[in-house]
């Protein structure tokens, strides 16, 4: 009997050790998955690699345009200046599997958050705007699509600030 109890304790200990090593999975969402969410994913992955964080990320669209699947040129340029290459990214539509596997879904606007919850009510409790999760205040990350480079520069700066704060919070148990 004592051996059986000891065996059960050892099995539970190893199970807890394995589950403690499971990475946090973050999903960044915007309208078309060509600008803000791509930027958030790329900046997060750079910070994750630098800090050796146990976090995995993906990005998705709530309304993917099949004719606009490549990252916006200004996003590619600004991230390339930081040594991050997103030129090969292809936009992807959010689906139930993404939602099921994500621990945290971070959207760029309240409208994106509402759309995710409309499509996937089961995501309730793990969907936040990026700023809401990072800072506790709900500030939109404006869409830079088709706007001048200075608007993209401001967007990247804003996303970078929020992503750093969100990663810190997400990596804290």
N, C-alpha and C. Protein backbone atom coordinates (compact mmCIF):
# COMPACT_ATOMS: atom_id res chain seq x y z
N UNK A 1 0.82 -1.18 0.00
CA UNK A 1 0.00 0.00 0.00
C UNK A 1 0.88 1.26 0.00
N UNK A 2 1.91 1.25 0.81
CA UNK A 2 2.81 2.38 0.91
C UNK A 2 3.48 2.64 -0.43
N UNK A 3 3.86 1.58 -1.16
CA UNK A 3 4.48 1.72 -2.48
C UNK A 3 3.50 2.33 -3.47
N UNK A 4 2.26 1.94 -3.38
CA UNK A 4 1.23 2.47 -4.27
C UNK A 4 1.05 3.97 -4.05
N UNK A 5 1.02 4.39 -2.79
CA UNK A 5 0.87 5.81 -2.47
C UNK A 5 2.09 6.58 -2.97
N UNK A 6 3.28 6.04 -2.74
CA UNK A 6 4.50 6.68 -3.19
C UNK A 6 4.51 6.81 -4.72
N UNK A 7 4.10 5.77 -5.41
CA UNK A 7 4.02 5.79 -6.87
C UNK A 7 3.04 6.87 -7.34
N UNK A 8 1.90 6.98 -6.69
CA UNK A 8 0.90 7.99 -7.06
C UNK A 8 1.45 9.40 -6.83
N UNK A 9 2.16 9.61 -5.74
CA UNK A 9 2.75 10.92 -5.45
C UNK A 9 3.78 11.27 -6.52
N UNK A 10 4.61 10.31 -6.89
CA UNK A 10 5.62 10.55 -7.93
C UNK A 10 4.97 10.87 -9.27
N UNK A 11 3.92 10.16 -9.62
CA UNK A 11 3.23 10.41 -10.88
C UNK A 11 2.60 11.80 -10.88
N UNK A 12 1.99 12.20 -9.80
CA UNK A 12 1.38 13.53 -9.71
C UNK A 12 2.45 14.61 -9.79
N UNK A 13 3.59 14.39 -9.16
CA UNK A 13 4.67 15.37 -9.20
C UNK A 13 5.18 15.55 -10.62
N UNK A 14 5.37 14.46 -11.33
CA UNK A 14 5.86 14.57 -12.71
C UNK A 14 4.80 15.20 -13.60
N UNK A 15 3.52 14.94 -13.36
CA UNK A 15 2.45 15.57 -14.15
C UNK A 15 2.47 17.08 -13.94
N UNK A 16 2.60 17.51 -12.70
CA UNK A 16 2.63 18.94 -12.41
C UNK A 16 3.86 19.60 -13.02
N UNK A 17 4.99 18.94 -13.02
CA UNK A 17 6.20 19.50 -13.62
C UNK A 17 6.02 19.68 -15.12
N UNK A 18 5.41 18.71 -15.78
CA UNK A 18 5.18 18.81 -17.22
C UNK A 18 4.21 19.93 -17.52
N UNK A 19 3.10 20.01 -16.78
CA UNK A 19 2.12 21.06 -17.07
C UNK A 19 2.67 22.44 -16.74
N UNK A 20 3.60 22.55 -15.79
CA UNK A 20 4.20 23.83 -15.47
C UNK A 20 5.09 24.32 -16.61
N UNK A 21 5.59 23.41 -17.43
CA UNK A 21 6.47 23.78 -18.54
C UNK A 21 5.69 24.15 -19.81
N UNK A 22 4.40 23.94 -19.82
CA UNK A 22 3.58 24.24 -20.99
C UNK A 22 3.63 25.74 -21.27
N UNK A 23 3.91 26.11 -22.51
CA UNK A 23 3.99 27.55 -22.81
C UNK A 23 2.62 28.22 -22.79
N UNK A 24 2.62 29.50 -22.45
CA UNK A 24 1.40 30.31 -22.58
C UNK A 24 1.23 30.60 -24.07
N UNK A 25 0.00 30.54 -24.53
CA UNK A 25 -0.28 30.74 -25.96
C UNK A 25 -1.10 32.01 -26.13
N UNK A 26 -0.51 32.99 -26.83
CA UNK A 26 -1.15 34.28 -27.06
C UNK A 26 -1.55 34.40 -28.52
N UNK A 27 -2.75 34.91 -28.74
CA UNK A 27 -3.29 35.12 -30.07
C UNK A 27 -3.58 36.61 -30.23
N UNK A 28 -2.92 37.26 -31.20
CA UNK A 28 -3.14 38.67 -31.49
C UNK A 28 -4.12 38.78 -32.67
N UNK A 29 -5.10 39.67 -32.55
CA UNK A 29 -6.16 39.76 -33.55
C UNK A 29 -6.39 41.21 -33.98
N UNK A 30 -6.52 41.38 -35.30
CA UNK A 30 -6.98 42.66 -35.85
C UNK A 30 -7.92 42.38 -37.01
N UNK A 31 -8.15 43.36 -37.85
CA UNK A 31 -9.13 43.19 -38.93
C UNK A 31 -8.65 42.21 -40.00
N UNK A 32 -7.54 42.51 -40.65
CA UNK A 32 -7.10 41.71 -41.80
C UNK A 32 -5.84 40.89 -41.62
N UNK A 33 -5.18 41.01 -40.47
CA UNK A 33 -3.96 40.27 -40.18
C UNK A 33 -2.83 40.63 -41.15
N UNK A 34 -2.76 41.94 -41.47
CA UNK A 34 -1.68 42.41 -42.34
C UNK A 34 -0.91 43.57 -41.74
N UNK A 35 -1.37 44.10 -40.60
CA UNK A 35 -0.72 45.26 -40.01
C UNK A 35 -0.49 45.14 -38.53
N UNK A 36 -1.48 45.54 -37.74
CA UNK A 36 -1.30 45.62 -36.29
C UNK A 36 -1.03 44.27 -35.64
N UNK A 37 -1.81 43.25 -35.99
CA UNK A 37 -1.62 41.94 -35.34
C UNK A 37 -0.30 41.31 -35.77
N UNK A 38 0.09 41.51 -37.03
CA UNK A 38 1.39 41.02 -37.51
C UNK A 38 2.51 41.70 -36.73
N UNK A 39 2.36 43.01 -36.54
CA UNK A 39 3.34 43.78 -35.77
C UNK A 39 3.43 43.26 -34.35
N UNK A 40 2.29 43.06 -33.72
CA UNK A 40 2.27 42.57 -32.33
C UNK A 40 2.94 41.20 -32.22
N UNK A 41 2.59 40.30 -33.14
CA UNK A 41 3.19 38.96 -33.11
C UNK A 41 4.70 39.04 -33.30
N UNK A 42 5.15 39.83 -34.26
CA UNK A 42 6.59 39.93 -34.56
C UNK A 42 7.36 40.55 -33.41
N UNK A 43 6.84 41.63 -32.84
CA UNK A 43 7.52 42.27 -31.71
C UNK A 43 7.51 41.36 -30.49
N UNK A 44 6.40 40.68 -30.27
CA UNK A 44 6.32 39.74 -29.14
C UNK A 44 7.34 38.63 -29.31
N UNK A 45 7.42 38.06 -30.50
CA UNK A 45 8.37 36.96 -30.72
C UNK A 45 9.81 37.41 -30.52
N UNK A 46 10.13 38.65 -30.91
CA UNK A 46 11.48 39.17 -30.68
C UNK A 46 11.75 39.29 -29.18
N UNK A 47 10.77 39.83 -28.43
CA UNK A 47 10.92 39.96 -26.97
C UNK A 47 10.97 38.60 -26.29
N UNK A 48 10.18 37.65 -26.77
CA UNK A 48 10.15 36.30 -26.21
C UNK A 48 11.51 35.63 -26.38
N UNK A 49 12.08 35.75 -27.57
CA UNK A 49 13.40 35.16 -27.83
C UNK A 49 14.48 35.82 -26.96
N UNK A 50 14.42 37.14 -26.88
CA UNK A 50 15.41 37.88 -26.09
C UNK A 50 15.33 37.53 -24.61
N UNK A 51 14.11 37.43 -24.09
CA UNK A 51 13.91 37.14 -22.67
C UNK A 51 13.78 35.67 -22.34
N UNK A 52 13.86 34.81 -23.39
CA UNK A 52 13.72 33.37 -23.21
C UNK A 52 12.43 33.04 -22.44
N UNK A 53 11.33 33.67 -22.85
CA UNK A 53 10.04 33.46 -22.19
C UNK A 53 9.36 32.22 -22.73
N UNK A 54 8.60 31.56 -21.89
CA UNK A 54 7.88 30.36 -22.28
C UNK A 54 6.48 30.73 -22.79
N UNK A 55 6.48 31.45 -23.91
CA UNK A 55 5.26 31.96 -24.52
C UNK A 55 5.34 31.70 -26.02
N UNK A 56 4.20 31.33 -26.62
CA UNK A 56 4.10 31.15 -28.07
C UNK A 56 3.02 32.10 -28.57
N UNK A 57 3.21 32.63 -29.78
CA UNK A 57 2.24 33.57 -30.32
C UNK A 57 1.85 33.23 -31.75
N UNK A 58 0.65 33.65 -32.10
CA UNK A 58 0.18 33.67 -33.48
C UNK A 58 -0.65 34.93 -33.65
N UNK A 59 -0.96 35.27 -34.89
CA UNK A 59 -1.85 36.40 -35.15
C UNK A 59 -2.88 35.97 -36.19
N UNK A 60 -4.07 36.59 -36.09
CA UNK A 60 -5.18 36.23 -36.96
C UNK A 60 -6.03 37.46 -37.28
N UNK A 61 -6.92 37.27 -38.26
CA UNK A 61 -7.86 38.31 -38.69
C UNK A 61 -9.27 37.97 -38.26
N UNK A 62 -10.09 39.00 -38.03
CA UNK A 62 -11.52 38.75 -37.84
C UNK A 62 -12.27 38.91 -39.17
N UNK A 63 -11.60 39.51 -40.16
CA UNK A 63 -12.23 39.70 -41.47
C UNK A 63 -11.15 39.71 -42.56
N UNK A 64 -10.54 38.55 -42.77
CA UNK A 64 -9.45 38.45 -43.75
C UNK A 64 -9.96 38.75 -45.15
N UNK A 65 -9.23 39.62 -45.83
CA UNK A 65 -9.52 39.94 -47.23
C UNK A 65 -8.64 39.04 -48.09
N UNK A 66 -9.21 38.13 -48.87
CA UNK A 66 -8.39 37.20 -49.65
C UNK A 66 -7.52 37.89 -50.71
N UNK A 67 -7.78 39.16 -50.96
CA UNK A 67 -6.99 39.91 -51.94
C UNK A 67 -5.88 40.72 -51.28
N UNK A 68 -5.86 40.73 -49.97
CA UNK A 68 -4.84 41.45 -49.20
C UNK A 68 -4.26 40.51 -48.15
N UNK A 69 -3.38 39.62 -48.56
CA UNK A 69 -2.89 38.60 -47.62
C UNK A 69 -1.46 38.82 -47.16
N UNK A 70 -0.76 39.78 -47.78
CA UNK A 70 0.63 40.04 -47.41
C UNK A 70 0.70 41.22 -46.43
N UNK A 71 1.73 41.26 -45.60
CA UNK A 71 1.86 42.37 -44.67
C UNK A 71 1.96 43.71 -45.42
N UNK A 72 1.43 44.73 -44.80
CA UNK A 72 1.50 46.07 -45.37
C UNK A 72 2.97 46.47 -45.53
N UNK A 73 3.29 47.12 -46.63
CA UNK A 73 4.68 47.48 -46.95
C UNK A 73 5.35 48.29 -45.85
N UNK A 74 4.61 49.24 -45.27
CA UNK A 74 5.21 50.06 -44.20
C UNK A 74 5.51 49.23 -42.95
N UNK A 75 4.70 48.23 -42.67
CA UNK A 75 4.96 47.33 -41.54
C UNK A 75 6.24 46.54 -41.81
N UNK A 76 6.35 46.01 -43.02
CA UNK A 76 7.56 45.26 -43.40
C UNK A 76 8.80 46.13 -43.24
N UNK A 77 8.73 47.37 -43.72
CA UNK A 77 9.87 48.29 -43.65
C UNK A 77 10.24 48.60 -42.20
N UNK A 78 9.27 48.97 -41.39
CA UNK A 78 9.56 49.35 -40.00
C UNK A 78 10.09 48.18 -39.18
N UNK A 79 9.54 47.01 -39.38
CA UNK A 79 10.04 45.85 -38.63
C UNK A 79 11.40 45.42 -39.14
N UNK A 80 11.64 45.56 -40.45
CA UNK A 80 12.96 45.22 -41.00
C UNK A 80 14.04 46.11 -40.39
N UNK A 81 13.70 47.35 -40.10
CA UNK A 81 14.65 48.26 -39.45
C UNK A 81 15.06 47.77 -38.06
N UNK A 82 14.25 46.90 -37.49
CA UNK A 82 14.55 46.30 -36.19
C UNK A 82 15.14 44.90 -36.34
N UNK A 83 15.39 44.50 -37.58
CA UNK A 83 15.95 43.18 -37.83
C UNK A 83 14.92 42.07 -37.81
N UNK A 84 13.65 42.43 -37.99
CA UNK A 84 12.55 41.45 -37.97
C UNK A 84 11.97 41.35 -39.37
N UNK A 85 11.96 40.15 -39.93
CA UNK A 85 11.45 39.94 -41.28
C UNK A 85 10.06 39.31 -41.24
N UNK A 86 9.06 40.06 -41.67
CA UNK A 86 7.69 39.54 -41.72
C UNK A 86 7.18 39.43 -43.16
N UNK A 87 8.07 39.62 -44.12
CA UNK A 87 7.66 39.64 -45.53
C UNK A 87 6.97 38.34 -45.95
N UNK A 88 7.31 37.22 -45.35
CA UNK A 88 6.72 35.94 -45.71
C UNK A 88 5.41 35.63 -45.02
N UNK A 89 4.96 36.50 -44.14
CA UNK A 89 3.70 36.27 -43.42
C UNK A 89 2.52 36.28 -44.40
N UNK A 90 1.58 35.38 -44.18
CA UNK A 90 0.33 35.36 -44.94
C UNK A 90 -0.82 35.48 -43.96
N UNK A 91 -1.76 36.37 -44.26
CA UNK A 91 -2.90 36.60 -43.38
C UNK A 91 -3.70 35.31 -43.20
N UNK A 92 -4.24 35.14 -42.00
CA UNK A 92 -5.06 33.96 -41.68
C UNK A 92 -6.27 34.41 -40.88
N UNK A 93 -7.39 33.78 -41.14
CA UNK A 93 -8.65 34.06 -40.45
C UNK A 93 -8.69 33.29 -39.13
N UNK A 94 -9.15 33.93 -38.07
CA UNK A 94 -9.31 33.25 -36.79
C UNK A 94 -10.35 32.14 -36.92
N UNK A 95 -10.10 31.03 -36.25
CA UNK A 95 -11.07 29.93 -36.27
C UNK A 95 -11.19 29.32 -34.88
N UNK A 96 -12.11 28.37 -34.77
CA UNK A 96 -12.40 27.76 -33.46
C UNK A 96 -11.18 27.08 -32.86
N UNK A 97 -10.35 26.49 -33.69
CA UNK A 97 -9.16 25.81 -33.19
C UNK A 97 -8.19 26.83 -32.57
N UNK A 98 -8.02 27.97 -33.22
CA UNK A 98 -7.16 29.03 -32.65
C UNK A 98 -7.67 29.44 -31.28
N UNK A 99 -8.97 29.65 -31.18
CA UNK A 99 -9.58 30.10 -29.93
C UNK A 99 -9.44 29.03 -28.85
N UNK A 100 -9.68 27.80 -29.21
CA UNK A 100 -9.60 26.70 -28.24
C UNK A 100 -8.19 26.57 -27.67
N UNK A 101 -7.18 26.72 -28.50
CA UNK A 101 -5.80 26.52 -28.05
C UNK A 101 -5.16 27.74 -27.40
N UNK A 102 -5.72 28.92 -27.64
CA UNK A 102 -5.14 30.14 -27.07
C UNK A 102 -5.48 30.27 -25.59
N UNK A 103 -4.49 30.67 -24.82
CA UNK A 103 -4.73 30.98 -23.41
C UNK A 103 -5.23 32.42 -23.26
N UNK A 104 -4.83 33.25 -24.20
CA UNK A 104 -5.12 34.67 -24.14
C UNK A 104 -5.29 35.21 -25.56
N UNK A 105 -6.35 35.96 -25.79
CA UNK A 105 -6.62 36.54 -27.10
C UNK A 105 -6.61 38.06 -26.94
N UNK A 106 -5.68 38.70 -27.61
CA UNK A 106 -5.50 40.15 -27.47
C UNK A 106 -5.83 40.83 -28.78
N UNK A 107 -6.85 41.69 -28.75
CA UNK A 107 -7.32 42.38 -29.95
C UNK A 107 -6.82 43.82 -29.97
N UNK A 108 -6.86 44.43 -31.14
CA UNK A 108 -6.37 45.80 -31.27
C UNK A 108 -7.42 46.84 -30.92
N UNK A 109 -8.70 46.46 -30.99
CA UNK A 109 -9.78 47.40 -30.68
C UNK A 109 -10.91 46.68 -29.94
N UNK A 110 -11.78 47.46 -29.34
CA UNK A 110 -12.97 46.90 -28.68
C UNK A 110 -13.89 46.24 -29.72
N UNK A 111 -13.93 46.79 -30.91
CA UNK A 111 -14.75 46.21 -31.98
C UNK A 111 -14.23 44.81 -32.35
N UNK A 112 -12.92 44.64 -32.41
CA UNK A 112 -12.34 43.31 -32.67
C UNK A 112 -12.71 42.35 -31.54
N UNK A 113 -12.61 42.82 -30.31
CA UNK A 113 -12.95 41.99 -29.15
C UNK A 113 -14.40 41.53 -29.25
N UNK A 114 -15.30 42.47 -29.56
CA UNK A 114 -16.72 42.13 -29.68
C UNK A 114 -16.96 41.12 -30.79
N UNK A 115 -16.24 41.26 -31.90
CA UNK A 115 -16.40 40.33 -33.03
C UNK A 115 -15.92 38.94 -32.64
N UNK A 116 -14.79 38.86 -31.96
CA UNK A 116 -14.28 37.55 -31.51
C UNK A 116 -15.31 36.89 -30.60
N UNK A 117 -15.87 37.64 -29.67
CA UNK A 117 -16.85 37.08 -28.75
C UNK A 117 -18.17 36.73 -29.44
N UNK A 118 -18.53 37.47 -30.47
CA UNK A 118 -19.72 37.14 -31.26
C UNK A 118 -19.52 35.82 -32.00
N UNK A 119 -18.34 35.66 -32.61
CA UNK A 119 -18.04 34.44 -33.36
C UNK A 119 -17.77 33.24 -32.45
N UNK A 120 -17.14 33.51 -31.29
CA UNK A 120 -16.69 32.44 -30.40
C UNK A 120 -17.05 32.79 -28.95
N UNK A 121 -18.31 32.64 -28.56
CA UNK A 121 -18.71 33.00 -27.19
C UNK A 121 -17.93 32.23 -26.13
N UNK A 122 -17.43 31.06 -26.48
CA UNK A 122 -16.64 30.26 -25.54
C UNK A 122 -15.31 30.93 -25.17
N UNK A 123 -14.95 31.99 -25.88
CA UNK A 123 -13.70 32.71 -25.59
C UNK A 123 -13.86 33.71 -24.44
N UNK A 124 -15.07 33.87 -23.95
CA UNK A 124 -15.33 34.79 -22.84
C UNK A 124 -14.34 34.52 -21.70
N UNK A 125 -13.75 35.57 -21.19
CA UNK A 125 -12.82 35.43 -20.07
C UNK A 125 -11.37 35.38 -20.49
N UNK A 126 -11.12 35.18 -21.80
CA UNK A 126 -9.72 35.18 -22.24
C UNK A 126 -9.48 36.14 -23.41
N UNK A 127 -10.48 36.98 -23.69
CA UNK A 127 -10.35 37.98 -24.75
C UNK A 127 -10.30 39.37 -24.13
N UNK A 128 -9.28 40.12 -24.49
CA UNK A 128 -9.08 41.48 -24.01
C UNK A 128 -8.54 42.32 -25.16
N UNK A 129 -8.74 43.62 -25.11
CA UNK A 129 -7.98 44.45 -26.03
C UNK A 129 -6.53 44.41 -25.53
N UNK A 130 -5.61 44.65 -26.41
CA UNK A 130 -4.19 44.62 -26.04
C UNK A 130 -3.91 45.63 -24.93
N UNK A 131 -4.43 46.84 -25.08
CA UNK A 131 -4.18 47.86 -24.06
C UNK A 131 -4.88 47.53 -22.74
N UNK A 132 -6.07 46.98 -22.83
CA UNK A 132 -6.82 46.60 -21.63
C UNK A 132 -6.03 45.58 -20.81
N UNK A 133 -5.49 44.57 -21.48
CA UNK A 133 -4.72 43.55 -20.78
C UNK A 133 -3.40 44.12 -20.26
N UNK A 134 -2.74 44.93 -21.09
CA UNK A 134 -1.42 45.45 -20.74
C UNK A 134 -1.46 46.52 -19.66
N UNK A 135 -2.45 47.41 -19.73
CA UNK A 135 -2.44 48.59 -18.86
C UNK A 135 -3.66 48.74 -17.97
N UNK A 136 -4.71 47.98 -18.25
CA UNK A 136 -5.94 48.13 -17.49
C UNK A 136 -6.87 49.20 -18.05
N UNK A 137 -6.43 49.90 -19.08
CA UNK A 137 -7.27 50.90 -19.74
C UNK A 137 -7.49 50.48 -21.19
N UNK A 138 -8.65 50.81 -21.71
CA UNK A 138 -9.00 50.38 -23.07
C UNK A 138 -8.72 51.51 -24.06
N UNK A 139 -7.55 51.46 -24.69
CA UNK A 139 -7.15 52.44 -25.69
C UNK A 139 -6.98 51.71 -27.02
N UNK A 140 -7.65 52.17 -28.04
CA UNK A 140 -7.58 51.54 -29.35
C UNK A 140 -6.18 51.67 -29.95
N UNK A 141 -5.78 50.66 -30.70
CA UNK A 141 -4.60 50.76 -31.55
C UNK A 141 -5.14 51.09 -32.94
N UNK A 142 -5.03 52.34 -33.38
CA UNK A 142 -5.64 52.74 -34.64
C UNK A 142 -5.05 52.00 -35.84
N UNK A 143 -5.91 51.77 -36.83
CA UNK A 143 -5.50 51.11 -38.06
C UNK A 143 -4.71 52.09 -38.91
N UNK A 144 -3.51 51.71 -39.31
CA UNK A 144 -2.66 52.56 -40.13
C UNK A 144 -2.82 52.27 -41.62
N UNK A 145 -3.61 51.26 -41.97
CA UNK A 145 -3.74 50.81 -43.36
C UNK A 145 -3.97 51.98 -44.32
N UNK A 146 -3.08 52.10 -45.31
CA UNK A 146 -3.22 53.11 -46.35
C UNK A 146 -2.84 54.52 -45.93
N UNK A 147 -2.36 54.67 -44.71
CA UNK A 147 -2.01 56.00 -44.21
C UNK A 147 -0.50 56.25 -44.38
N UNK A 148 -0.05 57.49 -44.17
CA UNK A 148 1.37 57.81 -44.32
C UNK A 148 2.26 57.07 -43.29
N UNK A 149 3.54 57.02 -43.59
CA UNK A 149 4.51 56.31 -42.76
C UNK A 149 4.48 56.77 -41.30
N UNK A 150 4.28 58.06 -41.04
CA UNK A 150 4.29 58.53 -39.64
C UNK A 150 3.19 57.90 -38.81
N UNK A 151 2.07 57.54 -39.44
CA UNK A 151 0.99 56.86 -38.73
C UNK A 151 1.43 55.44 -38.38
N UNK A 152 2.15 54.80 -39.29
CA UNK A 152 2.68 53.46 -39.02
C UNK A 152 3.73 53.51 -37.90
N UNK A 153 4.57 54.52 -37.92
CA UNK A 153 5.59 54.67 -36.87
C UNK A 153 4.91 54.76 -35.50
N UNK A 154 3.85 55.57 -35.41
CA UNK A 154 3.12 55.71 -34.15
C UNK A 154 2.46 54.40 -33.74
N UNK A 155 1.89 53.69 -34.71
CA UNK A 155 1.24 52.41 -34.41
C UNK A 155 2.25 51.39 -33.88
N UNK A 156 3.39 51.29 -34.53
CA UNK A 156 4.42 50.33 -34.10
C UNK A 156 4.90 50.68 -32.69
N UNK A 157 5.09 51.96 -32.43
CA UNK A 157 5.53 52.38 -31.09
C UNK A 157 4.48 52.02 -30.04
N UNK A 158 3.22 52.27 -30.34
CA UNK A 158 2.14 51.96 -29.40
C UNK A 158 2.05 50.45 -29.16
N UNK A 159 2.08 49.67 -30.23
CA UNK A 159 2.01 48.20 -30.10
C UNK A 159 3.21 47.68 -29.32
N UNK A 160 4.38 48.21 -29.60
CA UNK A 160 5.60 47.78 -28.91
C UNK A 160 5.47 47.99 -27.39
N UNK A 161 4.96 49.13 -27.00
CA UNK A 161 4.78 49.43 -25.57
C UNK A 161 3.81 48.45 -24.93
N UNK A 162 2.65 48.25 -25.57
CA UNK A 162 1.64 47.35 -25.01
C UNK A 162 2.11 45.90 -25.00
N UNK A 163 2.78 45.47 -26.05
CA UNK A 163 3.25 44.09 -26.13
C UNK A 163 4.24 43.79 -25.00
N UNK A 164 5.17 44.70 -24.76
CA UNK A 164 6.14 44.49 -23.68
C UNK A 164 5.43 44.32 -22.34
N UNK A 165 4.44 45.15 -22.07
CA UNK A 165 3.69 45.07 -20.82
C UNK A 165 2.85 43.79 -20.76
N UNK A 166 2.25 43.43 -21.88
CA UNK A 166 1.42 42.22 -21.92
C UNK A 166 2.26 40.97 -21.70
N UNK A 167 3.44 40.92 -22.30
CA UNK A 167 4.32 39.75 -22.13
C UNK A 167 4.77 39.62 -20.67
N UNK A 168 5.08 40.75 -20.08
CA UNK A 168 5.48 40.71 -18.66
C UNK A 168 4.35 40.14 -17.81
N UNK A 169 3.14 40.61 -18.06
CA UNK A 169 1.98 40.15 -17.30
C UNK A 169 1.68 38.67 -17.60
N UNK A 170 1.75 38.28 -18.87
CA UNK A 170 1.43 36.90 -19.26
C UNK A 170 2.45 35.89 -18.76
N UNK A 171 3.68 36.34 -18.56
CA UNK A 171 4.72 35.39 -18.11
C UNK A 171 4.80 35.29 -16.60
N UNK A 172 4.00 36.09 -15.90
CA UNK A 172 3.96 36.04 -14.44
C UNK A 172 2.82 35.10 -14.02
N UNK A 173 3.15 34.04 -13.26
CA UNK A 173 2.11 33.09 -12.86
C UNK A 173 1.02 33.69 -11.99
